[in-house]
Amino acid sequence: TTNDSSSSIKPVSAYWECMDCHTYNPSARKSCKTCRRLRQDLLDQCLKESKAQQSEQTNVEPKLKSSSNQITTNNNESTCFTTTTTKPPPNWYCVICSHHNCNNDSATICAGCGSIFMTNIEYLNFVHEQEKQLLRYQEDSKAFREDLREQAHAAYYKNNDEFECIICYELIGKNKGVLFHHCLHPMCKRCVLQMIETSTEPLLKCPHDDCTTIIGERELRGIVKDMKRDQKLVDKLNEIGVRWAESRHKTFHCITPDCKQWWFIEQVQGNNIVYCDGCKHWICMTCVAVHEGQNCLEYQEDLKIRAMNDITARKDQEHLEEMIKRKEAMHW
């Protein structure tokens, strides 16, 4: 600010309260020490000067503005805030820190905080532009979070740019292809569907060079659904996986009816109990049975008693004895 404009504005008391953060500031300060807001009487003065300046501009033919000071957003032009080129007087107060700069060189940098010289109107315009930028940033951040939330619930990611499929070499348009979750490699849906139909392996890998990422079942089902094909295509992969697993050594299929879970069995330590994520049961690998609430000895004794009158229990007992003979189970 200039000395003429600042000298005519007097604080009404020894302290003044900021309208934004309610901090009390010394009367000598022109801006809040906490949030940097201008004192209210200075803001009122800025508004008066701004209105007077606008009324003067309406009577004068507007000059052409430089294209470098304009931006286009959604085909609407808006003027960006540009740094001031006003030459400061020899003695001026900083609108940011209220430091009194007294020099003969008319330096444009405040010796107190390093800010450039700004008049009240320029500082007010600067604050308004910062508020607009903050609002745009908040809106963009909200839209970005919403997009991430939608992508997280989607079966697969969609491509934001066009790409050429590495298998059919067709140009795939925006949002028409697939981005795999774990490797983000693009591919067209028709080629993924063809991979599912012709696969003889239970797991599908990303076809890109040097990529070993496994395509998730959720992604495959989402693609099959979008292509309006039967979900039995994906079920076929599960059946291949079960047959492949059961044919391998040291594999175990869950004994709970209708449960498709299976594991590779390593050297089991401790109590030989495995929790199945498919049926949510604890399975004893020693007895190859579910006997929650009983230890192995109690279960085997109870099985002998029930085998006398229960055909199913008798078959379980005979099966357990055969496994004990083959040393696939343990007798207690």
Protein backbone atom coordinates (compact mmCIF):
# COMPACT_ATOMS: atom_id res chain seq x y z
CA THR A 1 0.00 0.00 0.00
CA THR A 2 1.04 3.62 -0.39
CA ASN A 3 1.50 5.96 2.54
CA ASP A 4 -1.49 8.10 1.47
CA SER A 5 -3.96 5.22 1.50
CA SER A 6 -2.63 3.60 4.67
CA SER A 7 -2.37 6.79 6.70
CA SER A 8 -6.08 7.51 6.27
CA ILE A 9 -7.09 4.15 7.77
CA LYS A 10 -6.87 3.91 11.55
CA PRO A 11 -7.66 0.87 13.70
CA VAL A 12 -10.39 1.51 16.23
CA SER A 13 -8.61 -0.10 19.20
CA ALA A 14 -5.25 -1.48 20.31
CA TYR A 15 -6.20 -4.90 18.88
CA TRP A 16 -8.41 -6.08 16.07
CA GLU A 17 -10.08 -9.47 15.56
CA CYS A 18 -9.70 -11.44 12.34
CA MET A 19 -13.08 -12.29 10.75
CA ASP A 20 -11.84 -15.69 9.52
CA CYS A 21 -9.80 -17.26 12.34
CA HIS A 22 -10.81 -14.85 15.18
CA THR A 23 -7.20 -14.18 16.10
CA TYR A 24 -6.50 -10.89 17.90
CA ASN A 25 -3.77 -8.88 16.21
CA PRO A 26 -1.96 -5.68 17.24
CA SER A 27 -3.43 -2.54 15.74
CA ALA A 28 -0.21 -1.88 13.80
CA ARG A 29 -0.62 -5.09 11.76
CA LYS A 30 -2.45 -4.78 8.46
CA SER A 31 -2.90 -8.52 8.00
CA CYS A 32 -3.71 -11.38 10.39
CA LYS A 33 -0.62 -13.09 11.75
CA THR A 34 -2.36 -16.48 11.57
CA CYS A 35 -4.27 -16.59 8.27
CA ARG A 36 -2.81 -13.50 6.52
CA ARG A 37 -6.26 -11.97 5.96
CA LEU A 38 -6.28 -8.19 5.54
CA ARG A 39 -7.76 -6.05 8.29
CA GLN A 40 -11.46 -5.48 7.65
CA ASP A 41 -11.19 -1.71 7.24
CA LEU A 42 -8.43 -2.25 4.67
CA LEU A 43 -10.60 -4.74 2.80
CA ASP A 44 -13.47 -2.24 2.76
CA GLN A 45 -11.13 0.39 1.42
CA CYS A 46 -9.93 -2.05 -1.27
CA LEU A 47 -13.50 -2.70 -2.34
CA LYS A 48 -14.20 1.00 -2.61
CA GLU A 49 -11.08 1.57 -4.69
CA SER A 50 -11.91 -1.44 -6.85
CA LYS A 51 -15.44 -0.16 -7.54
CA ALA A 52 -14.10 3.29 -8.36
CA GLN A 53 -11.56 1.77 -10.73
CA GLN A 54 -14.24 -0.33 -12.43
CA SER A 55 -16.47 2.70 -12.93
CA GLU A 56 -13.59 4.53 -14.56
CA GLN A 57 -12.91 1.60 -16.86
CA THR A 58 -16.51 1.56 -18.09
CA ASN A 59 -16.04 5.07 -19.48
CA VAL A 60 -12.82 4.16 -21.29
CA GLU A 61 -12.55 1.82 -24.25
CA PRO A 62 -11.06 -1.48 -22.98
CA LYS A 63 -7.67 -2.39 -24.25
CA LEU A 64 -6.80 -5.70 -25.81
CA LYS A 65 -5.43 -8.18 -23.33
CA SER A 66 -2.46 -10.39 -24.00
CA SER A 67 -3.35 -13.97 -24.85
CA SER A 68 -0.71 -15.18 -22.42
CA ASN A 69 -2.77 -13.83 -19.50
CA GLN A 70 -5.85 -15.87 -20.43
CA ILE A 71 -6.83 -19.50 -20.05
CA THR A 72 -9.69 -21.42 -21.61
CA THR A 73 -11.70 -23.78 -19.45
CA ASN A 74 -14.72 -25.56 -20.98
CA ASN A 75 -14.62 -22.99 -23.83
CA ASN A 76 -15.03 -20.09 -21.36
CA GLU A 77 -12.20 -17.56 -21.14
CA SER A 78 -11.09 -16.25 -17.74
CA THR A 79 -8.28 -13.88 -16.89
CA CYS A 80 -5.48 -15.31 -14.75
CA PHE A 81 -3.93 -13.30 -11.94
CA THR A 82 -0.57 -11.96 -12.97
CA THR A 83 2.15 -10.57 -10.76
CA THR A 84 2.19 -6.83 -10.27
CA THR A 85 4.48 -4.53 -12.17
CA THR A 86 3.64 -1.50 -10.00
CA LYS A 87 6.73 0.37 -8.91
CA PRO A 88 6.72 0.76 -5.11
CA PRO A 89 7.36 4.12 -3.43
CA PRO A 90 10.56 4.66 -1.39
CA ASN A 91 8.67 3.90 1.83
CA TRP A 92 6.01 1.19 1.78
CA TYR A 93 4.40 -1.34 4.11
CA CYS A 94 4.14 -5.01 3.14
CA VAL A 95 0.52 -6.20 2.96
CA ILE A 96 1.63 -9.67 4.09
CA CYS A 97 3.78 -9.02 7.17
CA SER A 98 3.30 -5.25 7.65
CA HIS A 99 7.07 -4.74 7.51
CA HIS A 100 8.11 -1.13 6.84
CA ASN A 101 10.42 -1.11 3.85
CA CYS A 102 12.47 2.06 3.74
CA ASN A 103 15.01 2.36 0.91
CA ASN A 104 15.98 4.64 -1.89
CA ASP A 105 16.22 1.94 -4.56
CA SER A 106 12.46 1.21 -4.56
CA ALA A 107 13.05 -2.55 -4.24
CA THR A 108 9.99 -4.66 -5.08
CA ILE A 109 10.85 -7.39 -2.53
CA CYS A 110 9.89 -7.07 1.13
CA ALA A 111 12.89 -7.24 3.43
CA GLY A 112 10.77 -8.88 6.13
CA CYS A 113 9.10 -11.84 4.41
CA GLY A 114 10.44 -11.78 0.84
CA SER A 115 7.03 -11.06 -0.74
CA ILE A 116 6.75 -8.81 -3.77
CA PHE A 117 5.23 -5.36 -3.49
CA MET A 118 1.44 -5.30 -3.92
CA THR A 119 -1.16 -2.63 -3.47
CA ASN A 120 -4.32 -3.39 -1.50
CA ILE A 121 -6.31 -4.02 -4.67
CA GLU A 122 -3.63 -6.29 -6.12
CA TYR A 123 -3.44 -8.24 -2.88
CA LEU A 124 -7.23 -8.58 -2.76
CA ASN A 125 -7.27 -9.86 -6.35
CA PHE A 126 -4.47 -12.25 -5.47
CA VAL A 127 -6.45 -13.64 -2.51
CA HIS A 128 -9.57 -14.05 -4.66
CA GLU A 129 -7.58 -15.91 -7.32
CA GLN A 130 -6.07 -18.21 -4.69
CA GLU A 131 -9.56 -18.99 -3.40
CA LYS A 132 -10.71 -19.83 -6.93
CA GLN A 133 -7.72 -22.11 -7.47
CA LEU A 134 -8.38 -23.83 -4.13
CA LEU A 135 -12.01 -24.38 -5.09
CA ARG A 136 -10.99 -25.85 -8.47
CA TYR A 137 -8.46 -28.09 -6.75
CA GLN A 138 -11.09 -29.34 -4.29
CA GLU A 139 -13.53 -30.06 -7.12
CA ASP A 140 -10.86 -31.90 -9.13
CA SER A 141 -9.83 -33.88 -6.04
CA LYS A 142 -13.44 -34.86 -5.36
CA ALA A 143 -13.93 -35.99 -8.95
CA PHE A 144 -10.65 -37.94 -8.79
CA ARG A 145 -11.71 -39.71 -5.57
CA GLU A 146 -15.08 -40.59 -7.09
CA ASP A 147 -13.34 -42.02 -10.15
CA LEU A 148 -11.02 -44.10 -7.96
CA ARG A 149 -14.00 -45.37 -5.97
CA GLU A 150 -15.79 -46.44 -9.14
CA GLN A 151 -12.64 -48.10 -10.49
CA ALA A 152 -12.14 -50.00 -7.21
CA HIS A 153 -15.64 -51.50 -7.41
CA ALA A 154 -15.32 -52.32 -11.11
CA ALA A 155 -14.32 -55.80 -12.24
CA TYR A 156 -11.47 -54.36 -14.31
CA TYR A 157 -9.94 -51.01 -15.19
CA LYS A 158 -10.89 -49.22 -18.40
CA ASN A 159 -8.35 -47.66 -20.72
CA ASN A 160 -8.19 -43.86 -20.82
CA ASP A 161 -6.25 -43.78 -24.11
CA GLU A 162 -6.41 -45.61 -27.40
CA PHE A 163 -4.08 -48.59 -27.80
CA GLU A 164 -3.24 -51.34 -30.26
CA CYS A 165 -4.05 -54.86 -29.05
CA ILE A 166 -0.92 -57.02 -29.04
CA ILE A 167 -2.85 -60.07 -30.30
CA CYS A 168 -5.26 -58.84 -32.99
CA TYR A 169 -3.44 -55.53 -33.68
CA GLU A 170 -6.73 -53.64 -33.77
CA LEU A 171 -6.93 -50.06 -32.53
CA ILE A 172 -9.07 -50.05 -29.38
CA GLY A 173 -10.87 -46.81 -28.51
CA LYS A 174 -11.11 -45.14 -25.13
CA ASN A 175 -12.97 -47.18 -22.46
CA LYS A 176 -13.41 -50.04 -24.97
CA GLY A 177 -10.58 -52.26 -23.71
CA VAL A 178 -9.30 -53.81 -20.50
CA LEU A 179 -6.51 -52.86 -18.12
CA PHE A 180 -5.55 -55.75 -15.87
CA HIS A 181 -5.56 -54.85 -12.17
CA HIS A 182 -2.07 -55.97 -11.18
CA CYS A 183 0.03 -55.10 -14.23
CA LEU A 184 -2.13 -52.44 -15.99
CA HIS A 185 -1.38 -53.94 -19.40
CA PRO A 186 -4.09 -53.19 -22.01
CA MET A 187 -5.92 -55.77 -24.09
CA CYS A 188 -9.13 -55.97 -26.09
CA LYS A 189 -12.08 -57.90 -24.64
CA ARG A 190 -12.52 -60.21 -27.64
CA CYS A 191 -8.97 -61.52 -27.32
CA VAL A 192 -9.39 -62.11 -23.57
CA LEU A 193 -12.61 -64.01 -24.28
CA GLN A 194 -10.81 -66.12 -26.88
CA MET A 195 -8.08 -66.91 -24.34
CA ILE A 196 -10.73 -68.15 -21.90
CA GLU A 197 -12.42 -70.34 -24.52
CA THR A 198 -9.22 -72.00 -25.78
CA SER A 199 -7.29 -72.30 -22.50
CA THR A 200 -6.31 -75.76 -21.25
CA GLU A 201 -4.70 -74.36 -18.10
CA PRO A 202 -6.56 -73.25 -14.98
CA LEU A 203 -4.78 -69.91 -14.78
CA LEU A 204 -4.53 -67.27 -17.49
CA LYS A 205 -1.42 -65.11 -17.63
CA CYS A 206 -1.07 -61.67 -19.13
CA PRO A 207 0.09 -62.18 -22.76
CA HIS A 208 2.45 -59.19 -22.74
CA ASP A 209 6.15 -59.98 -23.05
CA ASP A 210 8.00 -60.78 -19.80
CA CYS A 211 4.79 -60.38 -17.76
CA THR A 212 3.92 -63.20 -15.36
CA THR A 213 0.81 -61.60 -13.84
CA ILE A 214 -2.16 -63.93 -13.34
CA ILE A 215 -5.49 -62.53 -14.56
CA GLY A 216 -7.97 -62.60 -11.68
CA GLU A 217 -11.24 -64.51 -11.78
CA ARG A 218 -13.17 -61.30 -11.02
CA GLU A 219 -11.71 -59.68 -14.13
CA LEU A 220 -12.53 -62.69 -16.29
CA ARG A 221 -16.14 -62.82 -15.08
CA GLY A 222 -16.54 -59.09 -15.68
CA ILE A 223 -15.30 -59.42 -19.26
CA VAL A 224 -17.52 -62.44 -19.93
CA LYS A 225 -20.51 -60.52 -18.56
CA ASP A 226 -19.78 -57.46 -20.71
CA MET A 227 -19.45 -59.65 -23.80
CA LYS A 228 -22.83 -61.25 -22.93
CA ARG A 229 -21.43 -64.75 -22.75
CA ASP A 230 -22.21 -67.58 -20.34
CA GLN A 231 -20.36 -67.59 -17.02
CA LYS A 232 -19.77 -71.32 -17.55
CA LEU A 233 -16.69 -70.29 -19.52
CA VAL A 234 -15.05 -69.19 -16.27
CA ASP A 235 -16.48 -72.18 -14.38
CA LYS A 236 -14.67 -74.36 -16.91
CA LEU A 237 -11.37 -72.86 -15.78
CA ASN A 238 -12.23 -73.69 -12.17
CA GLU A 239 -12.98 -77.30 -13.12
CA ILE A 240 -9.66 -77.50 -14.96
CA GLY A 241 -7.97 -76.09 -11.88
CA VAL A 242 -9.54 -78.65 -9.56
CA ARG A 243 -8.55 -81.57 -11.81
CA TRP A 244 -5.05 -80.16 -12.19
CA ALA A 245 -4.66 -79.71 -8.43
CA GLU A 246 -5.97 -83.15 -7.54
CA SER A 247 -3.55 -84.77 -9.99
CA ARG A 248 -0.54 -83.18 -8.25
CA HIS A 249 1.30 -84.62 -5.28
CA LYS A 250 0.69 -83.08 -1.85
CA THR A 251 -2.58 -81.41 -2.74
CA PHE A 252 -5.71 -81.46 -0.63
CA HIS A 253 -9.28 -80.72 -1.64
CA CYS A 254 -11.65 -79.52 1.06
CA ILE A 255 -13.81 -82.36 2.37
CA THR A 256 -16.79 -80.10 3.06
CA PRO A 257 -19.57 -80.79 0.51
CA ASP A 258 -19.87 -78.21 -2.30
CA CYS A 259 -16.61 -76.49 -1.26
CA LYS A 260 -14.16 -75.97 -4.13
CA GLN A 261 -11.19 -74.89 -2.03
CA TRP A 262 -7.90 -76.78 -2.30
CA TRP A 263 -4.32 -76.31 -1.11
CA PHE A 264 -0.78 -77.49 -1.63
CA ILE A 265 0.16 -79.38 1.52
CA GLU A 266 3.61 -78.76 2.94
CA GLN A 267 5.12 -80.22 6.11
CA VAL A 268 2.38 -79.46 8.63
CA GLN A 269 3.53 -78.54 12.11
CA GLY A 270 1.71 -78.14 15.42
CA ASN A 271 -1.86 -79.42 15.66
CA ASN A 272 -2.26 -80.11 11.90
CA ILE A 273 -5.39 -77.96 11.64
CA VAL A 274 -6.11 -75.90 8.52
CA TYR A 275 -8.72 -73.15 8.19
CA CYS A 276 -10.68 -73.26 4.92
CA ASP A 277 -11.50 -69.85 3.45
CA GLY A 278 -14.13 -71.43 1.23
CA CYS A 279 -16.44 -73.08 3.78
CA LYS A 280 -15.11 -71.31 6.91
CA HIS A 281 -14.39 -74.58 8.75
CA TRP A 282 -11.34 -75.85 10.64
CA ILE A 283 -10.16 -79.10 9.03
CA CYS A 284 -7.98 -81.60 10.84
CA MET A 285 -5.28 -82.85 8.48
CA THR A 286 -4.51 -85.74 10.84
CA CYS A 287 -8.01 -87.22 10.75
CA VAL A 288 -8.94 -85.64 7.40
CA ALA A 289 -12.21 -84.54 8.95
CA VAL A 290 -13.98 -81.61 10.54
CA HIS A 291 -14.29 -82.20 14.29
CA GLU A 292 -14.51 -78.73 15.75
CA GLY A 293 -14.84 -78.85 19.55
CA GLN A 294 -13.11 -82.26 19.77
CA ASN A 295 -9.49 -83.30 19.73
CA CYS A 296 -8.31 -86.16 17.51
CA LEU A 297 -8.59 -88.82 20.25
CA GLU A 298 -12.14 -87.80 21.18
CA TYR A 299 -13.18 -87.74 17.54
CA GLN A 300 -11.74 -91.19 16.76
CA GLU A 301 -13.32 -92.73 19.87
CA ASP A 302 -16.66 -91.13 19.05
CA LEU A 303 -16.36 -92.38 15.47
CA LYS A 304 -15.88 -95.98 16.68
CA ILE A 305 -19.02 -95.75 18.82
CA ARG A 306 -21.13 -94.27 16.02
CA ALA A 307 -19.76 -96.84 13.54
CA MET A 308 -21.62 -99.60 15.37
CA ASN A 309 -25.04 -98.20 14.38
CA ASP A 310 -24.33 -95.67 11.62
CA ILE A 311 -23.43 -96.86 8.12
CA THR A 312 -21.92 -93.49 7.17
CA ALA A 313 -19.82 -93.38 10.31
CA ARG A 314 -18.72 -96.99 9.65
CA LYS A 315 -17.53 -96.01 6.18
CA ASP A 316 -15.66 -93.05 7.66
CA GLN A 317 -14.07 -95.37 10.20
CA GLU A 318 -13.00 -97.84 7.52
CA HIS A 319 -11.63 -95.02 5.38
CA LEU A 320 -9.68 -93.64 8.36
CA GLU A 321 -8.21 -97.07 9.14
CA GLU A 322 -7.08 -97.47 5.52
CA MET A 323 -5.39 -94.06 5.67
CA ILE A 324 -3.67 -95.05 8.91
CA LYS A 325 -2.33 -98.19 7.22
CA ARG A 326 -1.01 -96.07 4.32
CA LYS A 327 0.45 -93.66 6.91
CA GLU A 328 -1.66 -90.85 5.51
CA ALA A 329 -3.35 -90.36 8.88
CA MET A 330 -2.32 -90.84 12.51
CA HIS A 331 -3.87 -93.11 15.13
CA TRP A 332 -4.27 -91.74 18.63
